[in-house]
Amino acid sequence: MKDRYSGADFPAGPQTLDGRQSLAFVRQRHGLDMGDLDRTKRQQAFLAGATKKLNSAGTFTDPAKLIKLIDAAKRDVVTDEGWDLLAFLKQAKNLSGGRVHFTTLPVEGFGRNHGEDINVVDDMKIKRLIAEQIGPKPSAGPGAPSSPPSSPEAAPPPPSPSPSKDGGGIPCVD
């Protein structure tokens, strides 16, 4: 993959990236079949890969390493005021164990608004998807269906390119 806009320049296959290459990887949108939607998948794959590497190095369970990571994040990452970075990092190791499911919200199409490219979405589809993903699960009591009924008006998200899998089972784009 070579993209002059982002600086991405990678041969085929698994990669170990430095900071500059990582930034190019997560910023690339040109040359990807679904543009920003594939860019989102790259960012998700990067986050999962980075947390997997941090977890395998024992960063999340070693207080000294964790403090160094927090200090680096405080210097280099902009966060919302009041966000508890330590609590987040203690939970971040879950990203590396395959226990997180990334979902890209459905896009109906593409458009322009005030001269900017936008994704056109159906608010109700997004609300239903979020409710299905994080809402309370129905109990399997007597006479209750074993799974929630699917909504007939809910349409699947637009097709995306076939993902490949990296060594950690995280979907990534080719």
Protein backbone atom coordinates (compact mmCIF):
# COMPACT_ATOMS: atom_id res chain seq x y z
CA MET A 1 0.00 0.00 0.00
CA LYS A 2 1.36 3.38 -0.96
CA ASP A 3 -0.50 6.63 -0.34
CA ARG A 4 1.24 9.95 -0.89
CA TYR A 5 -1.40 11.88 1.06
CA SER A 6 -0.97 10.06 4.39
CA GLY A 7 2.59 8.85 3.83
CA ALA A 8 1.51 5.21 4.12
CA ASP A 9 4.03 2.98 2.34
CA PHE A 10 3.76 -0.66 3.39
CA PRO A 11 4.60 -3.93 1.70
CA ALA A 12 2.00 -6.70 1.91
CA GLY A 13 1.90 -8.69 5.15
CA PRO A 14 2.04 -8.11 8.90
CA GLN A 15 3.85 -4.95 10.00
CA THR A 16 5.57 -3.57 13.06
CA LEU A 17 5.21 0.19 12.82
CA ASP A 18 7.05 3.11 14.32
CA GLY A 19 5.20 6.28 15.35
CA ARG A 20 5.34 7.94 11.90
CA GLN A 21 4.19 4.78 10.15
CA SER A 22 1.41 4.25 12.69
CA LEU A 23 0.09 7.74 12.08
CA ALA A 24 0.20 7.21 8.31
CA PHE A 25 -1.64 3.88 8.71
CA VAL A 26 -4.52 5.31 10.76
CA ARG A 27 -4.82 8.46 8.64
CA GLN A 28 -4.93 6.79 5.22
CA ARG A 29 -8.24 7.05 3.38
CA HIS A 30 -7.18 7.34 -0.27
CA GLY A 31 -6.97 4.08 -2.17
CA LEU A 32 -9.29 2.30 0.25
CA ASP A 33 -12.53 0.99 -1.26
CA MET A 34 -14.78 2.56 1.37
CA GLY A 35 -12.66 5.64 2.20
CA ASP A 36 -13.26 6.87 5.73
CA LEU A 37 -15.20 3.74 6.68
CA ASP A 38 -12.11 1.63 5.94
CA ARG A 39 -10.04 4.25 7.74
CA THR A 40 -12.18 3.61 10.81
CA LYS A 41 -11.45 -0.13 10.54
CA ARG A 42 -7.72 0.65 10.38
CA GLN A 43 -7.99 2.78 13.52
CA GLN A 44 -9.83 -0.01 15.31
CA ALA A 45 -7.23 -2.55 14.22
CA PHE A 46 -4.45 -0.23 15.37
CA LEU A 47 -6.02 0.27 18.82
CA ALA A 48 -6.55 -3.46 19.27
CA GLY A 49 -2.99 -4.22 18.11
CA ALA A 50 -1.46 -1.56 20.37
CA THR A 51 -3.36 -2.76 23.43
CA LYS A 52 -2.42 -6.36 22.64
CA LYS A 53 1.24 -5.37 22.54
CA LEU A 54 0.96 -3.37 25.78
CA ASN A 55 -0.81 -6.28 27.47
CA SER A 56 1.77 -8.84 26.32
CA ALA A 57 4.52 -6.58 27.71
CA GLY A 58 2.75 -6.59 31.10
CA THR A 59 2.13 -2.83 30.95
CA PHE A 60 -1.38 -3.03 32.40
CA THR A 61 -0.31 -5.07 35.44
CA ASP A 62 3.07 -3.41 36.20
CA PRO A 63 2.51 -0.18 38.17
CA ALA A 64 5.78 1.41 37.00
CA LYS A 65 5.02 0.70 33.33
CA LEU A 66 1.44 1.86 33.79
CA ILE A 67 2.58 5.19 35.30
CA LYS A 68 4.98 5.72 32.35
CA LEU A 69 2.13 5.04 29.92
CA ILE A 70 -0.18 7.47 31.75
CA ASP A 71 2.53 10.16 31.77
CA ALA A 72 3.08 9.70 28.02
CA ALA A 73 -0.65 9.84 27.37
CA LYS A 74 -1.01 13.02 29.43
CA ARG A 75 1.74 14.65 27.33
CA ASP A 76 0.57 13.45 23.91
CA VAL A 77 -3.17 12.76 24.03
CA VAL A 78 -5.96 15.30 24.36
CA THR A 79 -8.81 14.00 26.52
CA ASP A 80 -12.05 15.37 27.86
CA GLU A 81 -11.77 17.19 31.18
CA GLY A 82 -12.49 14.84 34.07
CA TRP A 83 -11.85 11.66 32.05
CA ASP A 84 -10.23 9.07 34.31
CA LEU A 85 -7.28 7.88 32.24
CA LEU A 86 -6.11 5.39 34.87
CA ALA A 87 -9.53 3.71 35.04
CA PHE A 88 -9.61 3.53 31.25
CA LEU A 89 -6.14 1.98 31.03
CA LYS A 90 -7.05 -0.61 33.65
CA GLN A 91 -9.92 -1.66 31.36
CA ALA A 92 -7.93 -1.31 28.11
CA LYS A 93 -6.35 -4.73 28.48
CA ASN A 94 -9.78 -6.14 27.56
CA LEU A 95 -9.24 -4.78 24.04
CA SER A 96 -6.33 -7.15 23.57
CA GLY A 97 -8.07 -10.38 24.48
CA GLY A 98 -10.72 -10.51 21.78
CA ARG A 99 -13.40 -9.41 24.25
CA VAL A 100 -14.28 -6.23 22.35
CA HIS A 101 -16.48 -6.13 19.30
CA PHE A 102 -15.96 -3.07 17.10
CA THR A 103 -19.03 -1.94 15.20
CA THR A 104 -19.16 0.70 12.50
CA LEU A 105 -22.55 2.36 12.46
CA PRO A 106 -24.55 1.87 9.25
CA VAL A 107 -24.20 4.49 6.54
CA GLU A 108 -27.01 5.00 4.03
CA GLY A 109 -24.85 6.86 1.54
CA PHE A 110 -22.57 9.82 1.11
CA GLY A 111 -23.28 13.50 0.59
CA ARG A 112 -22.05 17.03 1.08
CA ASN A 113 -23.02 19.60 3.70
CA HIS A 114 -21.62 23.15 3.65
CA GLY A 115 -18.96 22.00 1.20
CA GLU A 116 -17.82 19.06 3.35
CA ASP A 117 -18.16 15.35 2.62
CA ILE A 118 -20.53 13.61 5.02
CA ASN A 119 -21.90 10.16 5.75
CA VAL A 120 -25.69 10.08 5.46
CA VAL A 121 -27.21 8.02 8.28
CA ASP A 122 -30.64 6.88 9.39
CA ASP A 123 -30.95 7.97 13.02
CA MET A 124 -33.55 5.30 13.83
CA LYS A 125 -31.40 2.48 12.44
CA ILE A 126 -28.49 3.67 14.55
CA LYS A 127 -30.66 3.90 17.68
CA ARG A 128 -31.95 0.35 17.08
CA LEU A 129 -28.43 -0.98 16.50
CA ILE A 130 -27.13 0.63 19.68
CA ALA A 131 -30.10 -0.68 21.66
CA GLU A 132 -29.42 -4.19 20.30
CA GLN A 133 -25.70 -3.94 21.12
CA ILE A 134 -25.84 -2.46 24.63
CA GLY A 135 -29.46 -2.73 25.74
CA PRO A 136 -30.75 -5.19 28.29
CA LYS A 137 -30.91 -8.76 27.07
CA PRO A 138 -34.30 -10.49 27.26
CA SER A 139 -34.57 -13.13 29.93
CA ALA A 140 -35.06 -16.71 28.81
CA GLY A 141 -38.04 -17.31 31.08
CA PRO A 142 -40.84 -19.77 30.36
CA GLY A 143 -42.50 -19.02 27.03
CA ALA A 144 -39.94 -16.34 26.16
CA PRO A 145 -38.17 -16.61 22.82
CA SER A 146 -34.54 -17.73 23.05
CA SER A 147 -33.40 -14.69 21.07
CA PRO A 148 -34.93 -11.28 20.49
CA PRO A 149 -37.04 -10.99 17.34
CA SER A 150 -35.34 -9.15 14.54
CA SER A 151 -36.88 -5.93 13.34
CA PRO A 152 -38.18 -6.34 9.78
CA GLU A 153 -37.44 -2.73 8.90
CA ALA A 154 -33.82 -2.90 10.09
CA ALA A 155 -31.54 -3.07 7.08
CA PRO A 156 -28.00 -4.42 7.22
CA PRO A 157 -25.13 -1.94 6.91
CA PRO A 158 -23.72 -1.32 3.43
CA PRO A 159 -21.33 -3.96 2.19
CA SER A 160 -17.70 -3.49 3.07
CA PRO A 161 -14.61 -5.03 1.56
CA SER A 162 -13.74 -8.48 2.78
CA PRO A 163 -11.57 -8.02 5.85
CA SER A 164 -8.38 -9.91 6.38
CA LYS A 165 -7.35 -10.96 9.86
CA ASP A 166 -4.15 -10.01 11.59
CA GLY A 167 -2.45 -12.35 14.05
CA GLY A 168 -4.75 -11.18 16.86
CA GLY A 169 -7.95 -11.84 14.95
CA ILE A 170 -8.67 -8.13 14.51
CA PRO A 171 -10.27 -7.24 11.18
CA CYS A 172 -8.12 -5.03 9.03
CA VAL A 173 -8.21 -3.82 5.47
CA ASP A 174 -5.98 -5.17 2.74
